[in-house]
PDB file of N, CA and C in Angstrom:
ATOM      1  N   MET A   1     -19.942  -9.376 -53.972  1.00  0.00           N
ATOM      2  CA  MET A   1     -19.695  -8.627 -52.512  1.00  0.00           C
ATOM      3  C   MET A   1     -18.170  -7.837 -52.536  1.00  0.00           C
ATOM      4  N   THR A   2     -18.057  -6.240 -52.469  1.00  0.00           N
ATOM      5  CA  THR A   2     -16.728  -5.612 -52.377  1.00  0.00           C
ATOM      6  C   THR A   2     -15.820  -5.879 -51.262  1.00  0.00           C
ATOM      7  N   PRO A   3     -14.171  -5.975 -51.553  1.00  0.00           N
ATOM      8  CA  PRO A   3     -13.512  -6.232 -50.829  1.00  0.00           C
ATOM      9  C   PRO A   3     -13.534  -6.012 -49.245  1.00  0.00           C
ATOM     10  N   GLU A   4     -13.968  -4.563 -49.249  1.00  0.00           N
ATOM     11  CA  GLU A   4     -14.321  -3.435 -48.465  1.00  0.00           C
ATOM     12  C   GLU A   4     -15.580  -4.552 -47.440  1.00  0.00           C
ATOM     13  N   GLU A   5     -16.611  -4.458 -48.113  1.00  0.00           N
ATOM     14  CA  GLU A   5     -17.574  -5.446 -47.264  1.00  0.00           C
ATOM     15  C   GLU A   5     -17.521  -6.650 -46.758  1.00  0.00           C
ATOM     16  N   LYS A   6     -16.180  -7.425 -47.579  1.00  0.00           N
ATOM     17  CA  LYS A   6     -16.119  -8.829 -47.258  1.00  0.00           C
ATOM     18  C   LYS A   6     -15.405  -8.542 -46.151  1.00  0.00           C
ATOM     19  N   ARG A   7     -14.412  -7.464 -46.035  1.00  0.00           N
ATOM     20  CA  ARG A   7     -13.282  -7.289 -44.809  1.00  0.00           C
ATOM     21  C   ARG A   7     -14.436  -7.140 -44.046  1.00  0.00           C
ATOM     22  N   GLU A   8     -15.295  -6.130 -44.003  1.00  0.00           N
ATOM     23  CA  GLU A   8     -16.013  -6.281 -42.756  1.00  0.00           C
ATOM     24  C   GLU A   8     -16.811  -7.069 -42.073  1.00  0.00           C
ATOM     25  N   LYS A   9     -17.341  -8.191 -42.970  1.00  0.00           N
ATOM     26  CA  LYS A   9     -18.122  -9.147 -42.589  1.00  0.00           C
ATOM     27  C   LYS A   9     -16.990 -10.211 -41.777  1.00  0.00           C
ATOM     28  N   ASN A  10     -15.992 -10.185 -42.240  1.00  0.00           N
ATOM     29  CA  ASN A  10     -15.152 -10.999 -41.921  1.00  0.00           C
ATOM     30  C   ASN A  10     -14.971 -10.372 -40.545  1.00  0.00           C
ATOM     31  N   ARG A  11     -14.540  -9.513 -40.202  1.00  0.00           N
ATOM     32  CA  ARG A  11     -13.977  -8.793 -38.821  1.00  0.00           C
ATOM     33  C   ARG A  11     -15.107  -9.106 -38.012  1.00  0.00           C
ATOM     34  N   LEU A  12     -16.994  -8.472 -38.684  1.00  0.00           N
ATOM     35  CA  LEU A  12     -17.765  -9.264 -37.250  1.00  0.00           C
ATOM     36  C   LEU A  12     -18.026 -10.596 -37.283  1.00  0.00           C
ATOM     37  N   CYS A  13     -17.264 -11.944 -37.738  1.00  0.00           N
ATOM     38  CA  CYS A  13     -17.723 -12.960 -37.570  1.00  0.00           C
ATOM     39  C   CYS A  13     -16.846 -13.105 -36.641  1.00  0.00           C
ATOM     40  N   SER A  14     -15.748 -12.476 -37.027  1.00  0.00           N
ATOM     41  CA  SER A  14     -14.133 -12.573 -36.382  1.00  0.00           C
ATOM     42  C   SER A  14     -14.442 -12.428 -34.695  1.00  0.00           C
ATOM     43  N   GLU A  15     -15.095 -11.012 -34.759  1.00  0.00           N
ATOM     44  CA  GLU A  15     -15.590 -10.790 -33.375  1.00  0.00           C
ATOM     45  C   GLU A  15     -16.619 -11.301 -32.333  1.00  0.00           C
ATOM     46  N   ARG A  16     -17.600 -11.662 -33.278  1.00  0.00           N
ATOM     47  CA  ARG A  16     -18.553 -12.392 -32.410  1.00  0.00           C
ATOM     48  C   ARG A  16     -17.952 -13.724 -32.624  1.00  0.00           C
ATOM     49  N   TRP A  17     -17.127 -14.543 -32.854  1.00  0.00           N
ATOM     50  CA  TRP A  17     -16.582 -15.589 -32.620  1.00  0.00           C
ATOM     51  C   TRP A  17     -15.731 -15.483 -31.026  1.00  0.00           C
ATOM     52  N   ARG A  18     -15.014 -13.906 -30.938  1.00  0.00           N
ATOM     53  CA  ARG A  18     -14.512 -14.294 -29.710  1.00  0.00           C
ATOM     54  C   ARG A  18     -15.169 -13.901 -28.627  1.00  0.00           C
ATOM     55  N   ARG A  19     -16.134 -12.904 -28.177  1.00  0.00           N
ATOM     56  CA  ARG A  19     -17.293 -13.016 -27.783  1.00  0.00           C
ATOM     57  C   ARG A  19     -17.718 -14.084 -27.586  1.00  0.00           C
ATOM     58  N   ALA A  20     -18.008 -14.796 -28.377  1.00  0.00           N
ATOM     59  CA  ALA A  20     -18.564 -16.462 -27.805  1.00  0.00           C
ATOM     60  C   ALA A  20     -17.835 -17.307 -27.187  1.00  0.00           C
ATOM     61  N   HIS A  21     -16.494 -17.038 -27.007  1.00  0.00           N
ATOM     62  CA  HIS A  21     -15.618 -17.586 -26.260  1.00  0.00           C
ATOM     63  C   HIS A  21     -14.731 -16.716 -25.227  1.00  0.00           C
ATOM     64  N   GLY A  22     -15.735 -15.743 -25.410  1.00  0.00           N
ATOM     65  CA  GLY A  22     -15.365 -15.494 -23.503  1.00  0.00           C
ATOM     66  C   GLY A  22     -13.935 -14.595 -23.795  1.00  0.00           C
ATOM     67  N   ILE A  23     -13.802 -13.694 -25.065  1.00  0.00           N
ATOM     68  CA  ILE A  23     -12.900 -13.114 -25.127  1.00  0.00           C
ATOM     69  C   ILE A  23     -13.475 -11.587 -25.556  1.00  0.00           C
ATOM     70  N   GLY A  24     -12.900 -10.791 -24.706  1.00  0.00           N
ATOM     71  CA  GLY A  24     -13.489  -9.423 -24.353  1.00  0.00           C
ATOM     72  C   GLY A  24     -12.565  -8.019 -24.751  1.00  0.00           C
ATOM     73  N   PRO A  25     -13.184  -7.379 -25.705  1.00  0.00           N
ATOM     74  CA  PRO A  25     -12.480  -6.231 -26.102  1.00  0.00           C
ATOM     75  C   PRO A  25     -11.146  -5.747 -25.335  1.00  0.00           C
ATOM     76  N   ARG A  26      -9.943  -5.583 -26.168  1.00  0.00           N
ATOM     77  CA  ARG A  26      -9.278  -5.072 -25.594  1.00  0.00           C
ATOM     78  C   ARG A  26      -9.392  -3.814 -25.036  1.00  0.00           C
ATOM     79  N   LYS A  27      -8.466  -3.683 -23.772  1.00  0.00           N
ATOM     80  CA  LYS A  27      -8.546  -1.831 -23.049  1.00  0.00           C
ATOM     81  C   LYS A  27      -7.549  -1.119 -23.893  1.00  0.00           C
ATOM     82  N   PRO A  28      -7.927   0.259 -24.149  1.00  0.00           N
ATOM     83  CA  PRO A  28      -7.460   1.212 -24.899  1.00  0.00           C
ATOM     84  C   PRO A  28      -5.621   1.098 -24.041  1.00  0.00           C
ATOM     85  N   ALA A  29      -4.517   1.292 -24.923  1.00  0.00           N
ATOM     86  CA  ALA A  29      -3.011   1.300 -24.524  1.00  0.00           C
ATOM     87  C   ALA A  29      -3.265   2.328 -23.686  1.00  0.00           C
ATOM     88  N   GLN A  30      -2.536   2.289 -22.948  1.00  0.00           N
ATOM     89  CA  GLN A  30      -1.964   3.892 -21.733  1.00  0.00           C
ATOM     90  C   GLN A  30      -1.218   4.135 -22.716  1.00  0.00           C
ATOM     91  N   GLN A  31      -1.182   5.779 -22.725  1.00  0.00           N
ATOM     92  CA  GLN A  31      -0.286   6.540 -23.536  1.00  0.00           C
ATOM     93  C   GLN A  31       0.218   7.893 -22.530  1.00  0.00           C
ATOM     94  N   PRO A  32       0.646   7.582 -21.322  1.00  0.00           N
ATOM     95  CA  PRO A  32       1.011   8.788 -20.292  1.00  0.00           C
ATOM     96  C   PRO A  32       1.492   9.911 -21.107  1.00  0.00           C
ATOM     97  N   TRP A  33       2.339  10.038 -22.011  1.00  0.00           N
ATOM     98  CA  TRP A  33       3.499  10.886 -23.002  1.00  0.00           C
ATOM     99  C   TRP A  33       2.405  11.400 -23.635  1.00  0.00           C
ATOM    100  N   LEU A  34       1.679  11.075 -24.252  1.00  0.00           N
ATOM    101  CA  LEU A  34       0.445  11.987 -24.559  1.00  0.00           C
ATOM    102  C   LEU A  34      -0.776  13.321 -23.742  1.00  0.00           C
ATOM    103  N   ALA A  35      -0.486  12.733 -22.909  1.00  0.00           N
ATOM    104  CA  ALA A  35      -1.578  13.467 -21.815  1.00  0.00           C
ATOM    105  C   ALA A  35       0.017  14.620 -20.738  1.00  0.00           C
ATOM    106  N   GLU A  36       1.064  14.166 -20.976  1.00  0.00           N
ATOM    107  CA  GLU A  36       1.970  15.111 -20.826  1.00  0.00           C
ATOM    108  C   GLU A  36       2.375  15.995 -22.391  1.00  0.00           C
ATOM    109  N   GLY A  37       2.119  15.552 -23.297  1.00  0.00           N
ATOM    110  CA  GLY A  37       2.439  16.395 -24.404  1.00  0.00           C
ATOM    111  C   GLY A  37       3.861  16.230 -24.500  1.00  0.00           C
ATOM    112  N   ILE A  38       4.384  15.145 -24.464  1.00  0.00           N
ATOM    113  CA  ILE A  38       6.028  14.893 -24.921  1.00  0.00           C
ATOM    114  C   ILE A  38       5.848  13.269 -25.854  1.00  0.00           C
ATOM    115  N   SER A  39       7.475  13.359 -26.425  1.00  0.00           N
ATOM    116  CA  SER A  39       7.495  12.070 -26.910  1.00  0.00           C
ATOM    117  C   SER A  39       7.782  10.804 -25.977  1.00  0.00           C
ATOM    118  N   ARG A  40       7.528   9.343 -26.579  1.00  0.00           N
ATOM    119  CA  ARG A  40       7.143   8.149 -26.059  1.00  0.00           C
ATOM    120  C   ARG A  40       8.730   8.170 -25.852  1.00  0.00           C
ATOM    121  N   SER A  41       9.839   8.043 -26.536  1.00  0.00           N
ATOM    122  CA  SER A  41      11.077   7.939 -25.645  1.00  0.00           C
ATOM    123  C   SER A  41      11.641   9.072 -24.726  1.00  0.00           C
ATOM    124  N   THR A  42      10.940  10.180 -24.505  1.00  0.00           N
ATOM    125  CA  THR A  42      11.260  11.314 -23.867  1.00  0.00           C
ATOM    126  C   THR A  42      10.711  10.459 -22.294  1.00  0.00           C
ATOM    127  N   TRP A  43       9.046  10.316 -22.515  1.00  0.00           N
ATOM    128  CA  TRP A  43       8.851   9.795 -21.397  1.00  0.00           C
ATOM    129  C   TRP A  43       9.460   8.794 -20.645  1.00  0.00           C
ATOM    130  N   TYR A  44       9.802   7.664 -21.685  1.00  0.00           N
ATOM    131  CA  TYR A  44      10.467   6.463 -20.779  1.00  0.00           C
ATOM    132  C   TYR A  44      12.015   6.949 -20.158  1.00  0.00           C
ATOM    133  N   ARG A  45      12.725   8.141 -20.831  1.00  0.00           N
ATOM    134  CA  ARG A  45      13.886   8.461 -20.875  1.00  0.00           C
ATOM    135  C   ARG A  45      13.811   9.213 -19.093  1.00  0.00           C
ATOM    136  N   ARG A  46      12.406  10.110 -18.776  1.00  0.00           N
ATOM    137  CA  ARG A  46      12.328  10.723 -17.973  1.00  0.00           C
ATOM    138  C   ARG A  46      11.838   9.697 -16.913  1.00  0.00           C
ATOM    139  N   LYS A  47      11.080   9.087 -17.184  1.00  0.00           N
ATOM    140  CA  LYS A  47      10.686   7.771 -16.334  1.00  0.00           C
ATOM    141  C   LYS A  47      11.993   6.429 -15.668  1.00  0.00           C
ATOM    142  N   GLN A  48      12.840   6.494 -16.519  1.00  0.00           N
ATOM    143  CA  GLN A  48      13.967   5.950 -15.602  1.00  0.00           C
ATOM    144  C   GLN A  48      14.817   6.668 -14.800  1.00  0.00           C
ATOM    145  N   ALA A  49      14.730   8.004 -15.158  1.00  0.00           N
ATOM    146  CA  ALA A  49      15.734   8.786 -14.387  1.00  0.00           C
ATOM    147  C   ALA A  49      15.113   9.307 -13.073  1.00  0.00           C
ATOM    148  N   ARG A  50      13.156   8.954 -13.299  1.00  0.00           N
ATOM    149  CA  ARG A  50      12.610   8.969 -11.528  1.00  0.00           C
ATOM    150  C   ARG A  50      13.065   8.068 -11.264  1.00  0.00           C
ATOM    151  N   GLU A  51      13.196   6.850 -11.344  1.00  0.00           N
ATOM    152  CA  GLU A  51      13.118   5.610 -10.965  1.00  0.00           C
ATOM    153  C   GLU A  51      14.502   5.781 -10.618  1.00  0.00           C
ATOM    154  N   ARG A  52      15.960   5.878 -11.412  1.00  0.00           N
ATOM    155  CA  ARG A  52      17.000   6.000 -10.457  1.00  0.00           C
ATOM    156  C   ARG A  52      16.892   7.079  -9.306  1.00  0.00           C
ATOM    157  N   GLU A  53      16.417   7.728  -9.623  1.00  0.00           N
ATOM    158  CA  GLU A  53      16.652   8.641  -8.430  1.00  0.00           C
ATOM    159  C   GLU A  53      15.733   8.457  -7.111  1.00  0.00           C
ATOM    160  N   ALA A  54      14.626   7.704  -7.242  1.00  0.00           N
ATOM    161  CA  ALA A  54      13.805   7.168  -6.168  1.00  0.00           C
ATOM    162  C   ALA A  54      14.960   6.176  -5.760  1.00  0.00           C
ATOM    163  N   LEU A  55      16.079   5.564  -6.737  1.00  0.00           N
ATOM    164  CA  LEU A  55      16.299   3.790  -5.633  1.00  0.00           C
ATOM    165  C   LEU A  55      17.724   4.908  -5.251  1.00  0.00           C
ATOM    166  N   THR A  56      18.238   5.938  -5.518  1.00  0.00           N
ATOM    167  CA  THR A  56      19.470   6.491  -4.869  1.00  0.00           C
ATOM    168  C   THR A  56      18.626   6.835  -3.473  1.00  0.00           C
ATOM    169  N   VAL A  57      17.297   7.581  -2.983  1.00  0.00           N
ATOM    170  CA  VAL A  57      16.888   8.385  -2.342  1.00  0.00           C
ATOM    171  C   VAL A  57      16.518   6.977  -1.120  1.00  0.00           C
ATOM    172  N   VAL A  58      15.804   5.917  -1.915  1.00  0.00           N
ATOM    173  CA  VAL A  58      16.229   4.910  -0.783  1.00  0.00           C
ATOM    174  C   VAL A  58      17.717   3.844  -0.428  1.00  0.00           C
ATOM    175  N   ALA A  59      18.507   4.237  -1.587  1.00  0.00           N
ATOM    176  CA  ALA A  59      19.877   3.950  -1.009  1.00  0.00           C
ATOM    177  C   ALA A  59      20.451   4.767   0.661  1.00  0.00           C
ATOM    178  N   THR A  60      20.234   6.045   0.347  1.00  0.00           N
ATOM    179  CA  THR A  60      20.521   6.959   1.045  1.00  0.00           C
ATOM    180  C   THR A  60      19.905   6.605   2.270  1.00  0.00           C
ATOM    181  N   ALA A  61      18.666   6.723   2.542  1.00  0.00           N
ATOM    182  CA  ALA A  61      17.574   6.210   3.734  1.00  0.00           C
ATOM    183  C   ALA A  61      18.371   4.975   4.425  1.00  0.00           C
ATOM    184  N   ARG A  62      18.511   4.006   3.558  1.00  0.00           N
ATOM    185  CA  ARG A  62      19.099   3.486   4.204  1.00  0.00           C
ATOM    186  C   ARG A  62      20.276   2.898   4.798  1.00  0.00           C
ATOM    187  N   GLU A  63      21.662   3.947   4.003  1.00  0.00           N
ATOM    188  CA  GLU A  63      22.302   4.298   4.418  1.00  0.00           C
ATOM    189  C   GLU A  63      22.634   4.852   6.072  1.00  0.00           C
ATOM    190  N   ALA A  64      21.585   6.078   6.074  1.00  0.00           N
ATOM    191  CA  ALA A  64      21.180   6.803   7.361  1.00  0.00           C
ATOM    192  C   ALA A  64      20.719   6.215   8.455  1.00  0.00           C
ATOM    193  N   VAL A  65      19.961   5.005   7.771  1.00  0.00           N
ATOM    194  CA  VAL A  65      19.402   3.823   9.230  1.00  0.00           C
ATOM    195  C   VAL A  65      20.876   3.004   9.708  1.00  0.00           C
ATOM    196  N   PHE A  66      21.394   2.442   8.647  1.00  0.00           N
ATOM    197  CA  PHE A  66      22.524   1.434   9.020  1.00  0.00           C
ATOM    198  C   PHE A  66      23.618   2.699   9.487  1.00  0.00           C
ATOM    199  N   ASP A  67      24.004   3.603   9.496  1.00  0.00           N
ATOM    200  CA  ASP A  67      24.796   4.965  10.319  1.00  0.00           C
ATOM    201  C   ASP A  67      24.233   5.053  11.789  1.00  0.00           C
ATOM    202  N   ARG A  68      23.290   5.406  12.008  1.00  0.00           N
ATOM    203  CA  ARG A  68      22.214   5.481  12.688  1.00  0.00           C
ATOM    204  C   ARG A  68      22.443   4.094  13.630  1.00  0.00           C
ATOM    205  N   LEU A  69      22.179   3.142  12.994  1.00  0.00           N
ATOM    206  CA  LEU A  69      22.803   1.576  13.803  1.00  0.00           C
ATOM    207  C   LEU A  69      23.949   1.150  14.366  1.00  0.00           C
ATOM    208  N   ASP A  70      24.860   1.650  13.620  1.00  0.00           N
ATOM    209  CA  ASP A  70      26.059   1.668  13.975  1.00  0.00           C
ATOM    210  C   ASP A  70      26.427   2.645  15.168  1.00  0.00           C
ATOM    211  N   TRP A  71      25.965   3.445  14.955  1.00  0.00           N
ATOM    212  CA  TRP A  71      25.888   4.871  16.350  1.00  0.00           C
ATOM    213  C   TRP A  71      25.299   4.046  17.520  1.00  0.00           C
ATOM    214  N   GLN A  72      24.123   3.441  17.759  1.00  0.00           N
ATOM    215  CA  GLN A  72      23.255   3.096  18.594  1.00  0.00           C
ATOM    216  C   GLN A  72      24.122   1.484  19.531  1.00  0.00           C
ATOM    217  N   LEU A  73      24.972   1.410  18.174  1.00  0.00           N
ATOM    218  CA  LEU A  73      25.682  -0.035  19.050  1.00  0.00           C
ATOM    219  C   LEU A  73      26.940   0.077  19.649  1.00  0.00           C
ATOM    220  N   ALA A  74      27.412   1.275  19.028  1.00  0.00           N
ATOM    221  CA  ALA A  74      28.963   1.916  19.592  1.00  0.00           C
ATOM    222  C   ALA A  74      28.430   2.350  20.835  1.00  0.00           C
ATOM    223  N   ARG A  75      27.139   2.893  21.467  1.00  0.00           N
ATOM    224  CA  ARG A  75      26.571   3.528  22.311  1.00  0.00           C
ATOM    225  C   ARG A  75      26.634   2.736  23.541  1.00  0.00           C
ATOM    226  N   LEU A  76      25.338   1.085  22.903  1.00  0.00           N
ATOM    227  CA  LEU A  76      25.254  -0.079  23.406  1.00  0.00           C
ATOM    228  C   LEU A  76      26.311  -0.355  24.044  1.00  0.00           C
ATOM    229  N   ARG A  77      27.265  -0.806  23.590  1.00  0.00           N
ATOM    230  CA  ARG A  77      28.847  -1.072  23.579  1.00  0.00           C
ATOM    231  C   ARG A  77      29.198  -0.468  25.191  1.00  0.00           C
ATOM    232  N   ARG A  78      29.594   0.777  24.986  1.00  0.00           N
ATOM    233  CA  ARG A  78      30.194   1.691  26.252  1.00  0.00           C
ATOM    234  C   ARG A  78      29.447   1.530  27.531  1.00  0.00           C
ATOM    235  N   GLU A  79      28.096   1.304  27.003  1.00  0.00           N
ATOM    236  CA  GLU A  79      26.941   1.116  28.364  1.00  0.00           C
ATOM    237  C   GLU A  79      26.795  -0.142  28.936  1.00  0.00           C
ATOM    238  N   LEU A  80      26.986  -0.776  28.077  1.00  0.00           N
ATOM    239  CA  LEU A  80      27.423  -2.366  28.631  1.00  0.00           C
ATOM    240  C   LEU A  80      29.095  -2.384  29.576  1.00  0.00           C
ATOM    241  N   GLU A  81      30.128  -1.810  28.873  1.00  0.00           N
ATOM    242  CA  GLU A  81      31.164  -1.652  29.391  1.00  0.00           C
ATOM    243  C   GLU A  81      30.889  -0.819  30.814  1.00  0.00           C
ATOM    244  N   THR A  82      30.427  -0.051  30.922  1.00  0.00           N
ATOM    245  CA  THR A  82      30.223   0.595  32.162  1.00  0.00           C
ATOM    246  C   THR A  82      29.187  -0.023  33.091  1.00  0.00           C
ATOM    247  N   ALA A  83      28.717  -0.846  32.804  1.00  0.00           N
ATOM    248  CA  ALA A  83      27.892  -1.708  33.709  1.00  0.00           C
ATOM    249  C   ALA A  83      28.304  -2.620  34.183  1.00  0.00           C
ATOM    250  N   ALA A  84      29.392  -3.402  33.493  1.00  0.00           N
ATOM    251  CA  ALA A  84      30.215  -4.556  33.849  1.00  0.00           C
ATOM    252  C   ALA A  84      31.499  -3.937  34.845  1.00  0.00           C
ATOM    253  N   ARG A  85      31.768  -2.648  34.791  1.00  0.00           N
ATOM    254  CA  ARG A  85      32.653  -1.668  35.634  1.00  0.00           C
ATOM    255  C   ARG A  85      32.169  -1.876  36.799  1.00  0.00           C
ATOM    256  N   PHE A  86      30.737  -1.663  36.649  1.00  0.00           N
ATOM    257  CA  PHE A  86      30.192  -1.229  37.925  1.00  0.00           C
ATOM    258  C   PHE A  86      29.525  -2.661  38.809  1.00  0.00           C
ATOM    259  N   ALA A  87      29.314  -3.795  37.789  1.00  0.00           N
ATOM    260  CA  ALA A  87      29.281  -4.766  38.407  1.00  0.00           C
ATOM    261  C   ALA A  87      30.659  -5.385  39.030  1.00  0.00           C
ATOM    262  N   ASP A  88      31.407  -5.205  38.363  1.00  0.00           N
ATOM    263  CA  ASP A  88      32.674  -5.355  39.263  1.00  0.00           C
ATOM    264  C   ASP A  88      33.247  -4.611  40.533  1.00  0.00           C
ATOM    265  N   GLU A  89      33.164  -3.478  40.267  1.00  0.00           N
ATOM    266  CA  GLU A  89      33.076  -2.889  41.896  1.00  0.00           C
ATOM    267  C   GLU A  89      31.945  -2.828  42.803  1.00  0.00           C
ATOM    268  N   GLY A  90      30.904  -3.342  42.448  1.00  0.00           N
ATOM    269  CA  GLY A  90      29.866  -4.052  43.157  1.00  0.00           C
ATOM    270  C   GLY A  90      30.304  -5.159  43.835  1.00  0.00           C
ATOM    271  N   ALA A  91      30.708  -6.239  42.844  1.00  0.00           N
ATOM    272  CA  ALA A  91      30.981  -7.378  43.452  1.00  0.00           C
ATOM    273  C   ALA A  91      32.302  -7.560  44.887  1.00  0.00           C
ATOM    274  N   ALA A  92      33.388  -6.442  44.171  1.00  0.00           N
ATOM    275  CA  ALA A  92      34.943  -5.948  44.904  1.00  0.00           C
ATOM    276  C   ALA A  92      34.706  -5.722  46.521  1.00  0.00           C
ATOM    277  N   ILE A  93      32.991  -4.539  46.715  1.00  0.00           N
ATOM    278  CA  ILE A  93      32.655  -4.505  47.525  1.00  0.00           C
ATOM    279  C   ILE A  93      32.070  -5.282  48.185  1.00  0.00           C
ATOM    280  N   ILE A  94      30.873  -5.960  48.244  1.00  0.00           N
ATOM    281  CA  ILE A  94      30.364  -7.399  48.562  1.00  0.00           C
ATOM    282  C   ILE A  94      31.375  -8.156  48.873  1.00  0.00           C
ATOM    283  N   THR A  95      32.092  -8.235  48.387  1.00  0.00           N
ATOM    284  CA  THR A  95      33.447  -9.340  48.822  1.00  0.00           C
ATOM    285  C   THR A  95      34.244  -8.816  50.203  1.00  0.00           C
ATOM    286  N   GLU A  96      34.410  -7.039  50.076  1.00  0.00           N
ATOM    287  CA  GLU A  96      35.165  -6.208  51.248  1.00  0.00           C
ATOM    288  C   GLU A  96      34.163  -6.536  52.519  1.00  0.00           C
ATOM    289  N   LEU A  97      32.529  -5.873  51.787  1.00  0.00           N
ATOM    290  CA  LEU A  97      31.456  -5.995  52.998  1.00  0.00           C
ATOM    291  C   LEU A  97      31.567  -7.753  53.609  1.00  0.00           C
ATOM    292  N   ALA A  98      31.764  -8.585  52.940  1.00  0.00           N
ATOM    293  CA  ALA A  98      31.882 -10.076  53.561  1.00  0.00           C
ATOM    294  C   ALA A  98      33.031 -10.238  54.600  1.00  0.00           C
ATOM    295  N   GLY A  99      33.869  -9.356  54.007  1.00  0.00           N
ATOM    296  CA  GLY A  99      35.386  -9.944  54.682  1.00  0.00           C
ATOM    297  C   GLY A  99      35.317  -9.257  56.431  1.00  0.00           C
ATOM    298  N   TYR A 100      34.784  -8.292  56.347  1.00  0.00           N
ATOM    299  CA  TYR A 100      34.527  -7.588  57.605  1.00  0.00           C
ATOM    300  C   TYR A 100      33.503  -8.386  58.408  1.00  0.00           C
ATOM    301  N   SER A 101      32.060  -8.887  57.808  1.00  0.00           N
ATOM    302  CA  SER A 101      31.674  -9.122  58.540  1.00  0.00           C
ATOM    303  C   SER A 101      32.159 -10.705  59.312  1.00  0.00           C
ATOM    304  N   GLY A 102      32.893 -11.254  58.423  1.00  0.00           N
ATOM    305  CA  GLY A 102      33.371 -12.665  58.720  1.00  0.00           C
ATOM    306  C   GLY A 102      34.349 -12.667  59.916  1.00  0.00           C
ATOM    307  N   SER A 103      35.181 -11.357  59.835  1.00  0.00           N
ATOM    308  CA  SER A 103      36.109 -11.398  60.621  1.00  0.00           C
ATOM    309  C   SER A 103      35.871 -11.000  62.166  1.00  0.00           C
ATOM    310  N   SER A 104      34.600  -9.900  62.338  1.00  0.00           N
ATOM    311  CA  SER A 104      34.147  -9.473  63.459  1.00  0.00           C
ATOM    312  C   SER A 104      33.536 -10.758  64.215  1.00  0.00           C
ATOM    313  N   GLY A 105      33.271 -11.770  63.522  1.00  0.00           N
ATOM    314  CA  GLY A 105      32.366 -12.572  64.325  1.00  0.00           C
ATOM    315  C   GLY A 105      32.791 -13.580  65.309  1.00  0.00           C
TER     316      GLY A 105
END
């Protein structure tokens, strides 16, 4: 038996053992850089740049949300101060009206 035949026999034996023990064949490796026609290192470098850009977009959107939230809180505080002022004026009017009704009785 030649070394090539022995190697093939061992390979088939190993494969039968793996299949018998439920070990399936590996999926072929995904190589998206080949589909784009660029080197692997360039693909990973561009991927890293895309991820950084995505994080920047998310951070910018988050800042915009917090800026709007600050604006909304400031507006709400102003409206609450106005409502409190109106409530004080209303209480003063009611007190004044109660004084009028109490003195005429």
